[in-house]
Amino acid sequence: MSEPIAVVVSKPQTIVVHSIQQGPPGPPGGGTIVTPAGQDLSGHRIVCLNSTGQAVYADKDFLATVQQVLGLTTGAALSGTSATLIPAGEITEPSWSLEPSMPVYLGNNGLLTQAVPATGAILQVGVALAASRLLIDMKMPIIQI
């Protein structure tokens, strides 16, 4: 007859070190990015970073820029000054005449368009919430051959 085997079962113990409460909700997402402008930039255009880390226009016909899109300029910036970008979230521009509920795409020289590009890449950058309001929500580019 073999000797009995002792099995010891221990349960982990949870100790609360510090208890906190969740704070109030913050503002809706997005935020901004500030980066040097690598060229004179107009407001409300899609930009990417060049090889020296400066903001330049993205373009549907230049695939390297399409794959490096960073966000939409919130205003104009001169080359060498700081450019403010919004990578995601809502932005309003009274001069826009967007078709609500329709997608918005990257065109040439960072311009926004609601026409699906026939050449180059198709990059949906957001959707129009109203004629003058855009929800920026970058999608994966579709490369047309």
C-alpha atoms as a PDB file:
ATOM      1  CA  MET A   1       0.000   0.000   0.000  1.00  0.00           C
ATOM      2  CA  SER A   2       1.386   3.398  -0.977  1.00  0.00           C
ATOM      3  CA  GLU A   3       1.533   6.357   1.309  1.00  0.00           C
ATOM      4  CA  PRO A   4      -1.181   9.026   0.903  1.00  0.00           C
ATOM      5  CA  ILE A   5      -0.255  12.052  -1.224  1.00  0.00           C
ATOM      6  CA  ALA A   6      -1.058  15.463   0.197  1.00  0.00           C
ATOM      7  CA  VAL A   7      -2.436  18.011  -2.264  1.00  0.00           C
ATOM      8  CA  VAL A   8      -2.379  21.648  -1.213  1.00  0.00           C
ATOM      9  CA  VAL A   9      -4.761  23.971  -3.046  1.00  0.00           C
ATOM     10  CA  SER A  10      -4.272  27.650  -2.556  1.00  0.00           C
ATOM     11  CA  LYS A  11      -6.509  30.351  -3.943  1.00  0.00           C
ATOM     12  CA  PRO A  12      -5.009  33.661  -5.026  1.00  0.00           C
ATOM     13  CA  GLN A  13      -6.008  36.519  -2.824  1.00  0.00           C
ATOM     14  CA  THR A  14      -6.964  39.901  -4.278  1.00  0.00           C
ATOM     15  CA  ILE A  15      -6.015  42.921  -2.260  1.00  0.00           C
ATOM     16  CA  VAL A  16      -7.394  46.353  -3.175  1.00  0.00           C
ATOM     17  CA  VAL A  17      -4.543  48.788  -2.739  1.00  0.00           C
ATOM     18  CA  HIS A  18      -6.351  51.939  -3.785  1.00  0.00           C
ATOM     19  CA  SER A  19      -9.902  52.516  -4.941  1.00  0.00           C
ATOM     20  CA  ILE A  20     -10.728  55.358  -7.350  1.00  0.00           C
ATOM     21  CA  GLN A  21     -13.805  56.580  -9.136  1.00  0.00           C
ATOM     22  CA  GLN A  22     -14.059  57.263 -12.846  1.00  0.00           C
ATOM     23  CA  GLY A  23     -13.834  60.945 -13.681  1.00  0.00           C
ATOM     24  CA  PRO A  24     -16.245  62.913 -15.842  1.00  0.00           C
ATOM     25  CA  PRO A  25     -16.310  62.100 -19.560  1.00  0.00           C
ATOM     26  CA  GLY A  26     -13.957  64.136 -21.720  1.00  0.00           C
ATOM     27  CA  PRO A  27     -14.747  65.936 -24.953  1.00  0.00           C
ATOM     28  CA  PRO A  28     -15.492  63.834 -28.054  1.00  0.00           C
ATOM     29  CA  GLY A  29     -12.421  62.227 -29.670  1.00  0.00           C
ATOM     30  CA  GLY A  30     -10.011  63.442 -32.203  1.00  0.00           C
ATOM     31  CA  GLY A  31      -7.677  65.968 -30.683  1.00  0.00           C
ATOM     32  CA  THR A  32      -5.113  67.776 -32.784  1.00  0.00           C
ATOM     33  CA  ILE A  33      -1.535  67.275 -33.924  1.00  0.00           C
ATOM     34  CA  VAL A  34       0.878  70.168 -34.347  1.00  0.00           C
ATOM     35  CA  THR A  35       3.748  69.607 -36.788  1.00  0.00           C
ATOM     36  CA  PRO A  36       6.027  71.787 -38.956  1.00  0.00           C
ATOM     37  CA  ALA A  37       4.699  72.650 -42.411  1.00  0.00           C
ATOM     38  CA  GLY A  38       6.981  71.495 -45.234  1.00  0.00           C
ATOM     39  CA  GLN A  39       5.236  73.775 -47.744  1.00  0.00           C
ATOM     40  CA  ASP A  40       2.663  76.568 -47.644  1.00  0.00           C
ATOM     41  CA  LEU A  41      -0.537  74.794 -46.629  1.00  0.00           C
ATOM     42  CA  SER A  42      -4.130  75.862 -47.085  1.00  0.00           C
ATOM     43  CA  GLY A  43      -6.753  75.087 -44.497  1.00  0.00           C
ATOM     44  CA  HIS A  44      -8.944  72.005 -44.680  1.00  0.00           C
ATOM     45  CA  ARG A  45      -6.680  69.842 -46.811  1.00  0.00           C
ATOM     46  CA  ILE A  46      -5.374  66.324 -46.228  1.00  0.00           C
ATOM     47  CA  VAL A  47      -1.673  66.094 -45.408  1.00  0.00           C
ATOM     48  CA  CYS A  48       0.989  63.499 -44.739  1.00  0.00           C
ATOM     49  CA  LEU A  49       4.551  63.788 -43.441  1.00  0.00           C
ATOM     50  CA  ASN A  50       7.477  64.020 -45.853  1.00  0.00           C
ATOM     51  CA  SER A  51      10.837  62.301 -45.270  1.00  0.00           C
ATOM     52  CA  THR A  52      11.963  65.104 -42.928  1.00  0.00           C
ATOM     53  CA  GLY A  53       8.816  64.927 -40.768  1.00  0.00           C
ATOM     54  CA  GLN A  54       7.080  67.990 -42.190  1.00  0.00           C
ATOM     55  CA  ALA A  55       3.452  68.236 -43.290  1.00  0.00           C
ATOM     56  CA  VAL A  56       2.861  68.296 -47.060  1.00  0.00           C
ATOM     57  CA  TYR A  57      -0.228  67.668 -49.185  1.00  0.00           C
ATOM     58  CA  ALA A  58      -1.261  64.074 -49.726  1.00  0.00           C
ATOM     59  CA  ASP A  59      -2.378  63.245 -53.263  1.00  0.00           C
ATOM     60  CA  LYS A  60      -4.501  60.376 -54.603  1.00  0.00           C
ATOM     61  CA  ASP A  61      -2.051  59.968 -57.512  1.00  0.00           C
ATOM     62  CA  PHE A  62       1.071  59.629 -55.317  1.00  0.00           C
ATOM     63  CA  LEU A  63       0.722  56.326 -53.500  1.00  0.00           C
ATOM     64  CA  ALA A  64       3.482  57.033 -50.980  1.00  0.00           C
ATOM     65  CA  THR A  65       1.517  60.031 -49.700  1.00  0.00           C
ATOM     66  CA  VAL A  66      -1.798  58.132 -49.632  1.00  0.00           C
ATOM     67  CA  GLN A  67      -0.316  55.508 -47.339  1.00  0.00           C
ATOM     68  CA  GLN A  68       1.107  58.125 -44.964  1.00  0.00           C
ATOM     69  CA  VAL A  69      -1.950  60.361 -44.420  1.00  0.00           C
ATOM     70  CA  LEU A  70      -1.865  62.078 -41.048  1.00  0.00           C
ATOM     71  CA  GLY A  71      -4.933  64.314 -40.974  1.00  0.00           C
ATOM     72  CA  LEU A  72      -6.752  67.441 -42.160  1.00  0.00           C
ATOM     73  CA  THR A  73      -5.300  70.928 -41.688  1.00  0.00           C
ATOM     74  CA  THR A  74      -7.497  73.067 -39.435  1.00  0.00           C
ATOM     75  CA  GLY A  75      -6.184  76.285 -40.994  1.00  0.00           C
ATOM     76  CA  ALA A  76      -3.494  77.664 -43.269  1.00  0.00           C
ATOM     77  CA  ALA A  77       0.213  77.472 -42.355  1.00  0.00           C
ATOM     78  CA  LEU A  78       3.299  78.920 -44.021  1.00  0.00           C
ATOM     79  CA  SER A  79       6.241  76.651 -44.796  1.00  0.00           C
ATOM     80  CA  GLY A  80       8.417  76.293 -41.697  1.00  0.00           C
ATOM     81  CA  THR A  81       5.674  77.334 -39.269  1.00  0.00           C
ATOM     82  CA  SER A  82       3.463  75.038 -37.206  1.00  0.00           C
ATOM     83  CA  ALA A  83       0.521  73.365 -38.882  1.00  0.00           C
ATOM     84  CA  THR A  84      -2.398  72.105 -36.801  1.00  0.00           C
ATOM     85  CA  LEU A  85      -4.039  68.896 -37.991  1.00  0.00           C
ATOM     86  CA  ILE A  86      -7.065  66.922 -36.926  1.00  0.00           C
ATOM     87  CA  PRO A  87      -6.537  63.176 -37.474  1.00  0.00           C
ATOM     88  CA  ALA A  88     -10.075  62.099 -36.551  1.00  0.00           C
ATOM     89  CA  GLY A  89     -13.311  63.573 -35.292  1.00  0.00           C
ATOM     90  CA  GLU A  90     -15.689  66.305 -36.383  1.00  0.00           C
ATOM     91  CA  ILE A  91     -14.825  69.590 -38.048  1.00  0.00           C
ATOM     92  CA  THR A  92     -17.086  72.340 -39.395  1.00  0.00           C
ATOM     93  CA  GLU A  93     -16.261  74.665 -42.284  1.00  0.00           C
ATOM     94  CA  PRO A  94     -19.050  77.087 -43.326  1.00  0.00           C
ATOM     95  CA  SER A  95     -17.756  77.372 -46.927  1.00  0.00           C
ATOM     96  CA  TRP A  96     -18.216  73.646 -47.639  1.00  0.00           C
ATOM     97  CA  SER A  97     -21.185  72.350 -49.675  1.00  0.00           C
ATOM     98  CA  LEU A  98     -20.937  68.677 -48.885  1.00  0.00           C
ATOM     99  CA  GLU A  99     -23.662  66.169 -49.688  1.00  0.00           C
ATOM    100  CA  PRO A 100     -24.776  64.939 -46.239  1.00  0.00           C
ATOM    101  CA  SER A 101     -24.417  61.225 -45.455  1.00  0.00           C
ATOM    102  CA  MET A 102     -22.064  60.735 -48.409  1.00  0.00           C
ATOM    103  CA  PRO A 103     -18.381  59.696 -48.200  1.00  0.00           C
ATOM    104  CA  VAL A 104     -15.568  62.209 -48.669  1.00  0.00           C
ATOM    105  CA  TYR A 105     -12.358  61.180 -50.461  1.00  0.00           C
ATOM    106  CA  LEU A 106      -8.811  62.431 -50.939  1.00  0.00           C
ATOM    107  CA  GLY A 107      -8.344  64.195 -54.283  1.00  0.00           C
ATOM    108  CA  ASN A 108      -5.268  65.927 -55.722  1.00  0.00           C
ATOM    109  CA  ASN A 109      -3.104  68.279 -53.652  1.00  0.00           C
ATOM    110  CA  GLY A 110      -4.901  67.352 -50.437  1.00  0.00           C
ATOM    111  CA  LEU A 111      -8.291  68.541 -51.667  1.00  0.00           C
ATOM    112  CA  LEU A 112     -11.478  66.883 -50.482  1.00  0.00           C
ATOM    113  CA  THR A 113     -13.906  65.439 -53.015  1.00  0.00           C
ATOM    114  CA  GLN A 114     -17.118  63.472 -52.910  1.00  0.00           C
ATOM    115  CA  ALA A 115     -16.528  62.023 -56.377  1.00  0.00           C
ATOM    116  CA  VAL A 116     -14.970  58.567 -56.228  1.00  0.00           C
ATOM    117  CA  PRO A 117     -11.544  58.912 -57.892  1.00  0.00           C
ATOM    118  CA  ALA A 118     -11.347  57.143 -61.266  1.00  0.00           C
ATOM    119  CA  THR A 119      -7.533  56.973 -61.150  1.00  0.00           C
ATOM    120  CA  GLY A 120      -4.923  56.728 -58.430  1.00  0.00           C
ATOM    121  CA  ALA A 121      -5.952  55.584 -54.974  1.00  0.00           C
ATOM    122  CA  ILE A 122      -9.363  55.676 -53.393  1.00  0.00           C
ATOM    123  CA  LEU A 123      -8.975  56.913 -49.829  1.00  0.00           C
ATOM    124  CA  GLN A 124     -12.136  57.671 -47.924  1.00  0.00           C
ATOM    125  CA  VAL A 125     -11.195  60.287 -45.347  1.00  0.00           C
ATOM    126  CA  GLY A 126     -14.607  60.660 -43.769  1.00  0.00           C
ATOM    127  CA  VAL A 127     -18.306  61.218 -44.228  1.00  0.00           C
ATOM    128  CA  ALA A 128     -20.323  64.422 -44.485  1.00  0.00           C
ATOM    129  CA  LEU A 129     -22.581  64.873 -41.481  1.00  0.00           C
ATOM    130  CA  ALA A 130     -24.074  68.051 -42.947  1.00  0.00           C
ATOM    131  CA  ALA A 131     -23.272  70.456 -45.792  1.00  0.00           C
ATOM    132  CA  SER A 132     -20.604  72.155 -43.675  1.00  0.00           C
ATOM    133  CA  ARG A 133     -19.690  69.378 -41.224  1.00  0.00           C
ATOM    134  CA  LEU A 134     -17.303  66.461 -41.771  1.00  0.00           C
ATOM    135  CA  LEU A 135     -16.587  63.450 -39.609  1.00  0.00           C
ATOM    136  CA  ILE A 136     -12.955  62.570 -40.289  1.00  0.00           C
ATOM    137  CA  ASP A 137     -12.539  58.796 -40.188  1.00  0.00           C
ATOM    138  CA  MET A 138      -9.671  57.585 -42.386  1.00  0.00           C
ATOM    139  CA  LYS A 139     -10.155  54.224 -44.080  1.00  0.00           C
ATOM    140  CA  MET A 140      -7.605  51.926 -45.712  1.00  0.00           C
ATOM    141  CA  PRO A 141      -6.692  53.113 -49.216  1.00  0.00           C
ATOM    142  CA  ILE A 142      -7.750  51.103 -52.245  1.00  0.00           C
ATOM    143  CA  ILE A 143      -5.011  51.141 -54.873  1.00  0.00           C
ATOM    144  CA  GLN A 144      -6.337  51.111 -58.442  1.00  0.00           C
ATOM    145  CA  ILE A 145      -4.088  49.499 -61.033  1.00  0.00           C
END
